[in-house]
N, C-alpha and C. Protein backbone atom coordinates (compact mmCIF):
# COMPACT_ATOMS: atom_id res chain seq x y z
N MET A 1 1.10 6.18 -10.56
CA MET A 1 1.11 5.26 -11.66
C MET A 1 2.19 4.26 -10.95
N SER A 2 2.26 2.91 -11.71
CA SER A 2 2.85 2.14 -10.99
C SER A 2 4.85 1.84 -11.68
N LEU A 3 5.64 1.20 -11.26
CA LEU A 3 6.45 1.06 -12.57
C LEU A 3 6.32 0.72 -13.67
N PHE A 4 5.38 -0.46 -13.90
CA PHE A 4 4.84 -1.16 -15.09
C PHE A 4 3.70 -0.51 -15.74
N GLY A 5 3.42 0.30 -15.07
CA GLY A 5 1.82 1.21 -15.48
C GLY A 5 0.44 0.30 -14.89
N ARG A 6 -0.36 0.75 -14.23
CA ARG A 6 -1.44 0.36 -13.42
C ARG A 6 -2.53 -0.43 -14.32
N LYS A 7 -2.83 -1.22 -13.84
CA LYS A 7 -4.17 -2.01 -14.82
C LYS A 7 -5.21 -2.96 -13.13
N SER A 8 -5.84 -2.63 -13.06
CA SER A 8 -6.59 -3.34 -12.09
C SER A 8 -7.40 -4.21 -12.72
N GLY A 9 -7.74 -5.32 -12.04
CA GLY A 9 -8.26 -6.79 -11.92
C GLY A 9 -9.12 -7.27 -10.90
N PRO A 10 -9.97 -7.93 -10.97
CA PRO A 10 -11.17 -8.26 -10.27
C PRO A 10 -10.23 -9.70 -9.47
N VAL A 11 -9.88 -10.33 -10.14
CA VAL A 11 -8.96 -11.43 -9.44
C VAL A 11 -8.55 -11.32 -8.03
N ASP A 12 -8.59 -11.93 -7.14
CA ASP A 12 -7.58 -12.05 -5.98
C ASP A 12 -6.21 -12.16 -5.99
N ASP A 13 -5.06 -11.55 -5.47
CA ASP A 13 -4.02 -11.94 -5.80
C ASP A 13 -3.64 -13.23 -5.36
N TRP A 14 -4.13 -13.80 -4.71
CA TRP A 14 -4.27 -15.41 -4.06
C TRP A 14 -4.46 -16.62 -4.90
N GLU A 15 -5.60 -16.31 -5.79
CA GLU A 15 -5.95 -16.95 -6.84
C GLU A 15 -5.22 -17.64 -7.88
N VAL A 16 -4.36 -15.88 -8.20
CA VAL A 16 -3.15 -16.46 -9.48
C VAL A 16 -1.89 -17.08 -8.46
N MET A 17 -1.64 -16.36 -7.34
CA MET A 17 -0.53 -16.57 -6.67
C MET A 17 -0.09 -18.25 -6.30
N ARG A 18 -1.34 -18.87 -6.04
CA ARG A 18 -1.51 -20.09 -5.50
C ARG A 18 -1.66 -21.48 -6.75
N THR A 19 -1.27 -20.40 -7.80
CA THR A 19 -1.37 -21.83 -8.80
C THR A 19 0.33 -21.80 -8.99
N ILE A 20 1.10 -21.83 -8.39
CA ILE A 20 2.39 -22.03 -8.49
C ILE A 20 3.00 -22.88 -7.52
N LEU A 21 1.87 -22.96 -6.39
CA LEU A 21 2.10 -24.30 -5.64
C LEU A 21 1.95 -25.63 -6.33
N ARG A 22 0.55 -25.66 -7.07
CA ARG A 22 0.61 -27.33 -8.09
C ARG A 22 1.97 -26.96 -8.76
N ALA A 23 2.09 -26.03 -9.79
CA ALA A 23 2.91 -26.00 -10.33
C ALA A 23 4.39 -26.30 -9.78
N GLU A 24 4.83 -26.08 -8.76
CA GLU A 24 5.96 -26.41 -8.09
C GLU A 24 6.14 -28.11 -7.83
N THR A 25 4.88 -28.56 -7.35
CA THR A 25 4.66 -29.90 -7.17
C THR A 25 5.14 -30.88 -8.00
N GLN A 26 4.75 -30.11 -8.98
CA GLN A 26 4.26 -31.28 -10.41
C GLN A 26 5.89 -30.90 -11.05
N LEU A 27 6.41 -29.67 -11.27
CA LEU A 27 7.56 -29.51 -12.20
C LEU A 27 9.05 -30.08 -11.22
N HIS A 28 8.86 -29.97 -10.10
CA HIS A 28 9.63 -30.56 -8.85
C HIS A 28 9.78 -32.02 -9.10
N GLY A 29 8.93 -32.34 -9.05
CA GLY A 29 8.22 -34.06 -9.25
C GLY A 29 8.90 -34.77 -10.20
N GLU A 30 8.94 -33.75 -11.68
CA GLU A 30 9.43 -34.20 -12.76
C GLU A 30 11.03 -33.85 -12.81
N HIS A 31 11.80 -33.15 -12.05
CA HIS A 31 13.14 -32.55 -11.85
C HIS A 31 13.01 -31.86 -13.08
N GLU A 32 12.37 -30.83 -13.56
CA GLU A 32 12.47 -29.94 -14.40
C GLU A 32 12.80 -28.55 -13.51
N ILE A 33 12.40 -28.28 -12.58
CA ILE A 33 12.58 -27.28 -11.76
C ILE A 33 12.60 -27.50 -10.24
N SER A 34 13.43 -26.57 -9.41
CA SER A 34 13.27 -26.87 -7.93
C SER A 34 13.50 -25.55 -7.47
N PRO A 35 12.14 -25.23 -6.32
CA PRO A 35 12.27 -24.06 -5.55
C PRO A 35 13.64 -23.55 -5.13
N SER A 36 13.97 -22.31 -4.74
CA SER A 36 14.87 -22.54 -4.06
C SER A 36 14.33 -21.75 -2.59
N ARG A 37 14.95 -21.47 -1.53
CA ARG A 37 14.04 -21.00 -0.04
C ARG A 37 13.72 -19.51 -0.01
N ARG A 38 14.06 -18.68 -1.02
CA ARG A 38 14.15 -17.19 -0.95
C ARG A 38 12.87 -16.88 -1.97
N ALA A 39 12.33 -15.69 -1.76
CA ALA A 39 11.52 -14.74 -2.56
C ALA A 39 11.33 -13.57 -1.96
N GLY A 40 10.71 -12.39 -2.95
CA GLY A 40 11.00 -11.08 -2.46
C GLY A 40 9.36 -10.18 -3.16
N LEU A 41 9.27 -9.07 -2.16
CA LEU A 41 8.17 -8.72 -2.70
C LEU A 41 8.92 -7.19 -2.90
N LEU A 42 8.94 -6.98 -4.21
CA LEU A 42 9.28 -5.44 -4.65
C LEU A 42 8.17 -4.09 -4.55
N TYR A 43 8.82 -3.05 -3.89
CA TYR A 43 7.64 -2.18 -3.87
C TYR A 43 8.85 -1.00 -3.83
N ARG A 44 7.83 0.08 -4.13
CA ARG A 44 8.30 1.63 -4.10
C ARG A 44 8.20 2.49 -2.68
N PRO A 45 8.93 2.96 -2.30
CA PRO A 45 9.05 3.24 -0.72
C PRO A 45 8.45 4.46 -0.53
N ASP A 46 7.55 5.03 0.20
CA ASP A 46 7.30 6.08 0.48
C ASP A 46 7.24 6.57 1.72
N GLU A 47 8.02 8.01 2.18
CA GLU A 47 8.00 8.22 3.63
C GLU A 47 6.74 9.01 3.65
N ASN A 48 5.91 8.78 3.11
CA ASN A 48 4.53 9.33 4.03
C ASN A 48 3.52 8.05 4.17
N ASN A 49 4.01 6.75 4.06
CA ASN A 49 3.57 5.88 4.09
C ASN A 49 4.10 5.15 5.44
N GLU A 50 3.14 5.68 7.15
CA GLU A 50 3.91 4.68 7.87
C GLU A 50 3.90 3.27 8.00
N PHE A 51 3.07 2.43 7.73
CA PHE A 51 3.14 1.37 7.40
C PHE A 51 4.83 1.04 7.06
N LEU A 52 4.65 1.67 5.56
CA LEU A 52 6.18 1.31 5.21
C LEU A 52 7.74 1.57 5.69
N GLN A 53 6.91 2.45 6.60
CA GLN A 53 8.14 3.32 7.69
C GLN A 53 8.72 2.52 8.21
N GLY A 54 7.61 1.75 8.91
CA GLY A 54 8.46 0.72 9.78
C GLY A 54 8.08 -0.68 9.62
N LEU A 55 8.16 -0.83 8.44
CA LEU A 55 7.89 -2.15 7.72
C LEU A 55 8.78 -3.24 8.56
N ASP A 56 10.15 -2.82 8.71
CA ASP A 56 11.01 -3.95 9.08
C ASP A 56 10.53 -4.42 10.37
N ARG A 57 9.50 -3.30 11.77
CA ARG A 57 9.12 -4.00 12.72
C ARG A 57 7.77 -4.25 12.70
N GLU A 58 6.96 -4.30 11.37
CA GLU A 58 5.85 -5.05 11.32
C GLU A 58 6.11 -6.47 10.58
N LEU A 59 7.13 -6.83 9.91
CA LEU A 59 7.62 -8.29 9.60
C LEU A 59 7.42 -9.07 10.73
N ILE A 60 7.84 -8.59 12.15
CA ILE A 60 8.11 -9.70 13.02
C ILE A 60 6.47 -10.25 13.16
N HIS A 61 5.67 -9.33 13.45
CA HIS A 61 4.03 -9.56 13.67
C HIS A 61 3.34 -10.16 12.78
N ILE A 62 3.54 -9.71 11.01
CA ILE A 62 2.88 -10.47 10.00
C ILE A 62 3.52 -12.06 9.85
N LEU A 63 4.95 -12.15 10.02
CA LEU A 63 5.11 -13.39 9.81
C LEU A 63 5.25 -14.52 10.94
N ASN A 64 4.97 -13.62 12.26
CA ASN A 64 5.26 -14.64 13.31
C ASN A 64 4.19 -14.96 14.52
N GLU A 65 2.86 -13.93 13.67
CA GLU A 65 1.69 -14.13 14.91
C GLU A 65 0.23 -14.34 14.21
N GLY A 66 -0.47 -14.71 14.91
CA GLY A 66 -1.61 -15.18 14.34
C GLY A 66 -1.94 -16.72 13.78
N ASP A 67 -3.09 -17.28 13.31
CA ASP A 67 -3.29 -18.45 12.72
C ASP A 67 -2.33 -18.91 11.89
N GLY A 68 -2.28 -18.06 10.53
CA GLY A 68 -1.75 -19.04 9.69
C GLY A 68 -0.46 -18.30 9.75
N ALA A 69 0.50 -17.88 10.95
CA ALA A 69 2.17 -17.66 10.96
C ALA A 69 2.95 -19.01 10.22
N THR A 70 3.68 -18.41 9.63
CA THR A 70 4.69 -19.24 8.87
C THR A 70 6.15 -19.71 9.69
N LYS A 71 6.60 -18.49 10.61
CA LYS A 71 7.63 -18.13 11.07
C LYS A 71 8.92 -18.03 9.92
N THR A 72 8.05 -17.50 8.67
CA THR A 72 9.42 -17.41 7.48
C THR A 72 10.42 -15.95 7.92
N ALA A 73 11.33 -16.07 8.25
CA ALA A 73 12.09 -15.22 7.90
C ALA A 73 12.10 -14.02 6.76
N GLY A 74 12.01 -12.67 7.48
CA GLY A 74 12.15 -11.71 6.60
C GLY A 74 13.24 -10.62 6.71
N GLN A 75 13.20 -9.87 5.85
CA GLN A 75 13.96 -8.58 5.84
C GLN A 75 14.06 -7.65 4.82
N ILE A 76 14.04 -6.47 5.13
CA ILE A 76 14.02 -5.13 4.27
C ILE A 76 15.38 -4.90 3.71
N GLU A 77 15.07 -4.88 1.95
CA GLU A 77 16.77 -4.27 1.38
C GLU A 77 15.94 -3.62 0.27
N THR A 78 17.01 -2.95 0.38
CA THR A 78 17.06 -1.68 -0.99
C THR A 78 18.11 -1.61 -2.16
N ASP A 79 17.76 -1.64 -3.32
CA ASP A 79 18.61 -2.19 -4.65
C ASP A 79 19.10 -0.84 -4.92
N ASP A 80 19.84 -0.87 -6.10
CA ASP A 80 20.45 0.15 -6.63
C ASP A 80 19.19 1.37 -7.64
N HIS A 81 18.36 0.62 -7.78
CA HIS A 81 17.53 1.27 -8.52
C HIS A 81 16.86 2.13 -7.42
N GLY A 82 16.89 2.16 -6.22
CA GLY A 82 15.62 3.18 -5.31
C GLY A 82 14.32 2.32 -4.73
N THR A 83 14.51 1.09 -5.28
CA THR A 83 13.35 0.67 -5.09
C THR A 83 13.56 -0.77 -3.91
N SER A 84 12.56 -0.91 -3.07
CA SER A 84 12.66 -1.89 -1.92
C SER A 84 12.55 -3.43 -1.91
N TRP A 85 13.06 -3.90 -1.33
CA TRP A 85 12.47 -5.84 -1.12
C TRP A 85 12.22 -5.98 0.50
N VAL A 86 10.90 -6.80 0.50
CA VAL A 86 10.75 -7.49 1.55
C VAL A 86 11.49 -8.97 1.10
N VAL A 87 12.55 -9.41 1.73
CA VAL A 87 13.11 -10.86 1.16
C VAL A 87 12.93 -12.03 1.97
N LEU A 88 11.98 -12.55 1.77
CA LEU A 88 11.76 -13.79 2.43
C LEU A 88 12.65 -15.20 2.34
N ASP A 89 12.83 -15.85 3.51
CA ASP A 89 13.53 -17.37 3.30
C ASP A 89 13.02 -18.43 4.04
N ASP A 90 12.12 -19.17 3.43
CA ASP A 90 11.92 -20.59 4.39
C ASP A 90 11.90 -21.67 3.40
N GLY A 91 12.26 -22.71 4.06
CA GLY A 91 12.81 -24.18 3.23
C GLY A 91 11.25 -24.45 2.77
N ASN A 92 10.32 -24.16 3.16
CA ASN A 92 8.73 -25.03 2.58
C ASN A 92 8.11 -24.04 1.66
N PHE A 93 8.13 -24.45 0.64
CA PHE A 93 7.72 -23.80 -0.22
C PHE A 93 6.61 -23.08 -0.31
N GLU A 94 5.48 -23.62 0.18
CA GLU A 94 4.53 -23.45 0.49
C GLU A 94 4.08 -22.37 1.58
N ASP A 95 4.62 -22.25 2.49
CA ASP A 95 4.80 -21.30 3.72
C ASP A 95 5.64 -19.95 2.95
N LEU A 96 6.40 -20.40 2.36
CA LEU A 96 7.04 -18.96 1.64
C LEU A 96 6.14 -18.28 0.66
N VAL A 97 5.24 -18.95 -0.20
CA VAL A 97 4.20 -18.64 -1.11
C VAL A 97 3.24 -17.56 -0.38
N SER A 98 2.33 -18.29 0.80
CA SER A 98 1.75 -17.62 1.98
C SER A 98 2.09 -17.01 2.31
N SER A 99 3.49 -16.56 2.85
CA SER A 99 3.75 -15.31 3.59
C SER A 99 4.18 -14.09 2.77
N LEU A 100 4.63 -14.77 1.52
CA LEU A 100 4.67 -13.27 0.40
C LEU A 100 3.47 -12.79 0.41
N TYR A 101 2.26 -13.75 -0.08
CA TYR A 101 1.06 -13.07 -0.24
C TYR A 101 0.52 -12.54 1.08
N THR A 102 1.07 -12.83 2.21
CA THR A 102 0.44 -12.53 3.69
C THR A 102 0.85 -10.96 3.76
N VAL A 103 2.47 -10.95 3.49
CA VAL A 103 3.10 -9.27 3.56
C VAL A 103 2.24 -8.41 2.36
N GLY A 104 1.94 -8.88 1.35
CA GLY A 104 1.36 -8.12 -0.26
C GLY A 104 0.15 -7.66 0.77
N ASN A 105 -0.65 -8.52 1.33
CA ASN A 105 -2.02 -8.31 1.86
C ASN A 105 -2.01 -7.00 2.61
N ALA A 106 -1.08 -7.16 3.75
CA ALA A 106 -0.86 -6.46 4.65
C ALA A 106 -0.62 -4.94 4.19
N MET A 107 0.23 -5.15 2.97
CA MET A 107 0.46 -3.67 2.24
C MET A 107 -0.73 -3.10 1.33
N VAL A 108 -1.57 -4.14 1.31
CA VAL A 108 -2.72 -3.63 0.43
C VAL A 108 -3.73 -2.64 1.76
N HIS A 109 -4.17 -3.50 3.17
CA HIS A 109 -4.70 -3.11 4.06
C HIS A 109 -4.10 -1.63 4.91
N ASN A 110 -2.94 -1.29 4.55
CA ASN A 110 -2.40 -0.06 5.03
C ASN A 110 -1.83 0.76 3.83
N ASP A 111 -2.82 1.07 2.91
CA ASP A 111 -2.68 1.97 2.11
C ASP A 111 -1.53 1.90 0.82
N ALA A 112 -0.77 0.82 1.00
CA ALA A 112 0.39 0.61 0.46
C ALA A 112 -0.03 -0.02 -0.80
N GLY A 113 -0.77 -0.59 -1.06
CA GLY A 113 -1.06 -1.43 -2.23
C GLY A 113 -0.71 -1.44 -3.71
N PRO A 114 -0.77 -0.24 -4.17
CA PRO A 114 -0.28 0.28 -5.60
C PRO A 114 1.33 0.70 -5.17
N LEU A 115 1.60 0.73 -4.10
CA LEU A 115 3.28 0.68 -4.50
C LEU A 115 4.04 -0.98 -4.84
N ARG A 116 3.04 -2.03 -4.80
CA ARG A 116 3.65 -3.14 -4.89
C ARG A 116 4.00 -3.36 -6.15
N ILE A 117 5.20 -3.53 -6.77
CA ILE A 117 5.68 -4.14 -8.16
C ILE A 117 5.34 -5.40 -8.44
N ALA A 118 5.98 -6.30 -7.75
CA ALA A 118 5.96 -7.56 -8.16
C ALA A 118 6.19 -8.25 -7.20
N ALA A 119 5.78 -9.96 -7.26
CA ALA A 119 6.38 -10.82 -6.24
C ALA A 119 7.13 -11.80 -6.87
N VAL A 120 8.60 -11.67 -6.25
CA VAL A 120 9.66 -12.71 -7.17
C VAL A 120 9.85 -13.97 -6.23
N PHE A 121 9.77 -15.51 -7.37
CA PHE A 121 10.20 -16.41 -6.29
C PHE A 121 11.46 -17.21 -7.43
N GLU A 122 12.43 -17.02 -6.78
CA GLU A 122 13.50 -17.72 -7.35
C GLU A 122 13.36 -19.52 -7.20
N PHE A 123 14.20 -20.17 -8.55
CA PHE A 123 14.00 -21.21 -8.66
C PHE A 123 15.44 -21.54 -9.40
N TYR A 124 15.86 -23.37 -9.62
CA TYR A 124 16.70 -23.47 -10.17
C TYR A 124 16.17 -24.61 -11.22
N ARG A 125 17.02 -24.61 -12.43
CA ARG A 125 16.87 -25.69 -13.44
C ARG A 125 17.01 -26.38 -12.95
N GLY A 126 16.51 -27.74 -12.90
CA GLY A 126 17.00 -29.51 -12.90
C GLY A 126 17.51 -29.99 -13.97
N GLY A 127 17.56 -30.89 -13.47
CA GLY A 127 18.25 -32.09 -14.63
C GLY A 127 17.25 -32.65 -15.64
N GLY A 128 15.89 -32.43 -15.28
CA GLY A 128 14.97 -33.10 -16.26
C GLY A 128 14.59 -32.65 -17.48
N LEU A 129 15.56 -31.12 -17.69
CA LEU A 129 15.07 -30.84 -18.72
C LEU A 129 15.65 -31.31 -19.94
N ASP A 130 14.95 -30.85 -21.51
CA ASP A 130 15.66 -31.29 -22.32
C ASP A 130 16.98 -30.05 -22.88
N SER A 131 18.26 -30.53 -22.74
CA SER A 131 19.29 -29.44 -22.80
C SER A 131 19.75 -29.13 -23.88
N ASP A 132 19.16 -29.83 -25.28
CA ASP A 132 19.31 -29.04 -26.73
C ASP A 132 18.44 -28.14 -26.92
N GLU A 133 17.65 -27.59 -26.12
CA GLU A 133 16.51 -26.77 -26.60
C GLU A 133 17.41 -25.16 -26.22
N ASN A 134 18.21 -25.22 -25.39
CA ASN A 134 19.10 -23.87 -25.12
C ASN A 134 20.19 -24.30 -24.04
N ASP A 135 20.77 -23.60 -23.64
CA ASP A 135 21.97 -23.66 -23.25
C ASP A 135 22.05 -23.12 -21.41
N TRP A 136 20.58 -23.19 -21.06
CA TRP A 136 20.43 -22.86 -19.87
C TRP A 136 20.71 -24.19 -19.09
N ALA A 137 21.90 -24.29 -18.22
CA ALA A 137 22.64 -25.20 -17.76
C ALA A 137 21.78 -25.95 -16.42
N PRO A 138 21.89 -27.04 -16.05
CA PRO A 138 21.21 -27.34 -15.03
C PRO A 138 21.71 -26.83 -13.70
N GLY A 139 21.15 -26.28 -12.57
CA GLY A 139 21.37 -25.38 -11.56
C GLY A 139 21.51 -24.08 -11.70
N THR A 140 21.20 -23.86 -12.89
CA THR A 140 20.69 -22.15 -12.99
C THR A 140 19.45 -21.55 -12.32
N ILE A 141 20.30 -20.23 -11.93
CA ILE A 141 19.16 -19.64 -11.47
C ILE A 141 18.06 -19.10 -12.49
N GLY A 142 17.04 -18.71 -12.01
CA GLY A 142 15.87 -18.21 -12.82
C GLY A 142 14.96 -17.90 -12.04
N TYR A 143 14.18 -16.77 -12.18
CA TYR A 143 12.81 -16.38 -11.31
C TYR A 143 11.38 -16.42 -11.87
N TRP A 144 10.35 -16.95 -10.92
CA TRP A 144 8.96 -16.53 -11.66
C TRP A 144 8.69 -15.31 -10.93
N VAL A 145 8.39 -14.51 -12.19
CA VAL A 145 7.94 -13.16 -11.44
C VAL A 145 5.98 -13.24 -11.43
N TYR A 146 5.85 -12.06 -10.41
CA TYR A 146 4.12 -11.87 -10.48
C TYR A 146 4.05 -10.40 -10.23
N ARG A 147 3.62 -10.13 -11.46
CA ARG A 147 3.12 -8.91 -11.57
C ARG A 147 1.84 -8.36 -11.10
N TYR A 148 1.92 -7.64 -9.92
CA TYR A 148 0.91 -7.18 -9.17
C TYR A 148 -0.28 -6.06 -10.21
N ASP A 149 0.20 -5.36 -11.39
CA ASP A 149 -0.65 -4.89 -11.84
C ASP A 149 -1.51 -5.35 -13.07
N ARG A 150 -0.84 -6.46 -13.40
CA ARG A 150 -0.93 -7.48 -14.56
C ARG A 150 -2.14 -9.03 -14.21
N GLN A 151 -1.68 -9.08 -12.73
CA GLN A 151 -2.27 -10.04 -12.16
C GLN A 151 -1.66 -11.49 -13.00
N ARG A 152 -0.63 -11.47 -13.59
CA ARG A 152 0.09 -12.44 -14.50
C ARG A 152 1.41 -13.27 -13.75
N PHE A 153 1.72 -14.18 -14.01
CA PHE A 153 3.48 -14.45 -13.78
C PHE A 153 3.94 -14.71 -15.21
N TYR A 154 5.56 -14.46 -14.72
CA TYR A 154 6.20 -14.63 -16.36
C TYR A 154 7.40 -14.78 -15.88
N PRO A 155 8.61 -15.94 -16.73
CA PRO A 155 9.65 -16.05 -16.03
C PRO A 155 10.49 -15.37 -16.73
N PHE A 156 11.63 -15.20 -15.77
CA PHE A 156 12.71 -14.61 -15.86
C PHE A 156 14.27 -14.79 -15.53
N VAL A 157 15.14 -15.22 -16.50
CA VAL A 157 16.38 -15.96 -16.59
C VAL A 157 17.44 -14.84 -16.74
N PRO A 158 18.09 -14.44 -15.88
CA PRO A 158 19.09 -13.35 -16.11
C PRO A 158 20.43 -14.06 -16.42
N GLU A 159 21.14 -13.44 -17.15
CA GLU A 159 22.63 -13.92 -17.92
C GLU A 159 23.66 -12.81 -17.72
N GLY A 160 24.10 -13.10 -16.91
CA GLY A 160 25.44 -11.71 -17.31
C GLY A 160 25.04 -10.43 -16.70
N GLU A 161 25.81 -9.46 -17.23
CA GLU A 161 25.42 -8.12 -16.94
C GLU A 161 24.26 -7.61 -17.88
N GLU A 162 23.33 -7.62 -17.34
CA GLU A 162 22.04 -7.18 -17.55
C GLU A 162 21.37 -7.66 -19.41
N GLU A 163 21.68 -9.12 -19.22
CA GLU A 163 21.31 -10.07 -20.16
C GLU A 163 20.31 -10.90 -19.94
N ARG A 164 19.62 -11.51 -20.53
CA ARG A 164 18.63 -12.52 -20.32
C ARG A 164 18.60 -13.63 -20.94
N ASN A 165 18.60 -14.97 -20.60
CA ASN A 165 18.27 -16.11 -21.56
C ASN A 165 16.88 -16.14 -22.06
N ARG A 166 16.61 -15.58 -23.38
CA ARG A 166 15.08 -15.41 -23.67
C ARG A 166 14.77 -17.10 -23.93
N PRO A 167 15.50 -17.95 -24.51
CA PRO A 167 15.06 -19.40 -24.67
C PRO A 167 14.80 -20.06 -23.60
N GLY A 168 15.55 -20.02 -22.93
CA GLY A 168 15.28 -20.18 -21.32
C GLY A 168 14.37 -20.07 -20.86
N GLU A 169 13.42 -18.64 -21.08
CA GLU A 169 12.68 -17.99 -20.70
C GLU A 169 11.00 -18.66 -21.08
N MET A 170 11.36 -18.80 -22.33
CA MET A 170 10.34 -19.36 -23.33
C MET A 170 10.01 -21.04 -23.08
N GLN A 171 11.20 -21.62 -22.71
CA GLN A 171 10.80 -23.10 -22.13
C GLN A 171 10.42 -22.72 -20.73
N ILE A 172 10.91 -21.86 -19.60
CA ILE A 172 10.00 -22.19 -18.40
C ILE A 172 8.24 -21.44 -18.48
N SER A 173 8.03 -20.87 -19.73
CA SER A 173 7.15 -20.49 -20.03
C SER A 173 5.71 -21.69 -20.57
N ARG A 174 6.33 -22.41 -21.16
CA ARG A 174 5.68 -23.63 -21.57
C ARG A 174 5.43 -24.23 -20.14
N LEU A 175 6.48 -24.67 -19.80
CA LEU A 175 6.09 -25.64 -18.42
C LEU A 175 5.38 -24.71 -17.76
N MET A 176 5.37 -23.94 -17.30
CA MET A 176 4.61 -23.02 -16.23
C MET A 176 3.12 -23.38 -16.98
N ARG A 177 2.95 -22.75 -18.36
CA ARG A 177 1.61 -22.97 -18.92
C ARG A 177 0.83 -24.65 -18.67
N ARG A 178 1.94 -25.53 -19.13
CA ARG A 178 1.59 -27.04 -18.88
C ARG A 178 1.20 -27.21 -17.27
N ALA A 179 1.58 -26.66 -16.70
CA ALA A 179 1.22 -26.36 -14.97
C ALA A 179 0.13 -25.62 -14.72
N ASN A 180 -0.38 -25.00 -15.41
CA ASN A 180 -1.78 -24.25 -15.32
C ASN A 180 -1.44 -23.09 -14.86
N VAL A 181 -0.36 -22.69 -14.53
CA VAL A 181 0.16 -21.40 -13.89
C VAL A 181 -0.76 -20.31 -14.78
N THR A 182 -1.11 -18.96 -14.40
CA THR A 182 -1.75 -18.03 -15.24
C THR A 182 0.02 -17.00 -15.61
N VAL A 183 0.16 -17.54 -17.18
CA VAL A 183 1.14 -16.35 -17.48
C VAL A 183 1.05 -15.50 -18.32
N GLU A 184 1.77 -14.19 -18.27
CA GLU A 184 1.67 -13.27 -19.35
C GLU A 184 1.49 -13.34 -20.78
N LYS A 185 0.37 -13.39 -21.39
CA LYS A 185 0.89 -13.47 -22.73
C LYS A 185 1.65 -12.56 -23.70
N GLU A 186 1.37 -11.03 -23.32
CA GLU A 186 1.95 -10.51 -23.93
C GLU A 186 3.92 -10.09 -23.43
N LEU A 187 4.58 -10.34 -24.54
CA LEU A 187 6.10 -10.83 -24.51
C LEU A 187 6.69 -9.88 -23.67
N GLU A 188 6.04 -8.49 -24.29
CA GLU A 188 6.65 -6.77 -24.08
C GLU A 188 6.58 -6.68 -22.35
N GLU A 189 5.55 -7.33 -22.00
CA GLU A 189 5.56 -7.22 -20.31
C GLU A 189 5.71 -7.88 -19.56
N TRP A 190 6.71 -9.18 -20.30
CA TRP A 190 7.95 -9.59 -19.36
C TRP A 190 8.88 -8.42 -19.13
N ARG A 191 8.99 -7.76 -18.36
CA ARG A 191 9.75 -7.01 -17.80
C ARG A 191 11.29 -7.53 -17.04
N PRO A 192 12.41 -6.81 -17.15
CA PRO A 192 13.78 -7.33 -16.64
C PRO A 192 13.47 -6.99 -15.00
N ILE A 193 14.04 -7.62 -14.18
CA ILE A 193 14.18 -7.01 -12.58
C ILE A 193 15.47 -7.19 -12.46
N TRP A 194 16.61 -6.27 -12.86
CA TRP A 194 18.19 -6.25 -12.71
C TRP A 194 18.23 -5.92 -11.05
N GLY A 195 18.96 -6.62 -10.56
CA GLY A 195 19.59 -6.07 -9.38
C GLY A 195 18.81 -6.95 -8.33
N ILE A 196 18.17 -8.19 -8.50
CA ILE A 196 17.60 -8.93 -7.30
C ILE A 196 18.31 -9.31 -6.15
N PRO A 197 17.89 -9.07 -5.00
CA PRO A 197 19.11 -8.86 -4.07
C PRO A 197 18.90 -10.50 -3.49
N PHE A 198 18.56 -11.78 -3.98
CA PHE A 198 18.47 -12.78 -3.17
C PHE A 198 19.03 -13.95 -4.71
């Protein structure tokens, strides 16, 4: 059973994940959000999975070899909750999304697919948003979270010690829907992810 509970779906992760490429182009162009260089894949470690045990070495091959190689930088980190991250860095947002999908897909092909929890993309609030709607200041960090078990995105805007900016999240959710991103409809499934290492 996954951290959030398992739900299978017929849609390939890429079909949903690539919707943020169009959204980023639209929302960045309107100065509403700006992507950062960083993203990460959160997963549960498994001592019995040989691929995951050597994932730090495998990343070099996954990200730098083959026709679709992006040369995205990557490293493995462990958070305070006992879960692990593949943290990626790339100034090209399309390459960043593609690389994250590729890493997740490699996990699927090496019996680690069910251990994937979420793909997380960092972004900043731009100056084009109406500041009267909430107190989410321009330049503040937020995240687009893709839950593998739900195959949907939702926004996460942390604020302080394990607090979140719900008005800011609702505002980002509206922007995401307007940009045709597949957004999780059930608000209780917008699970916070504390301790994101980027």
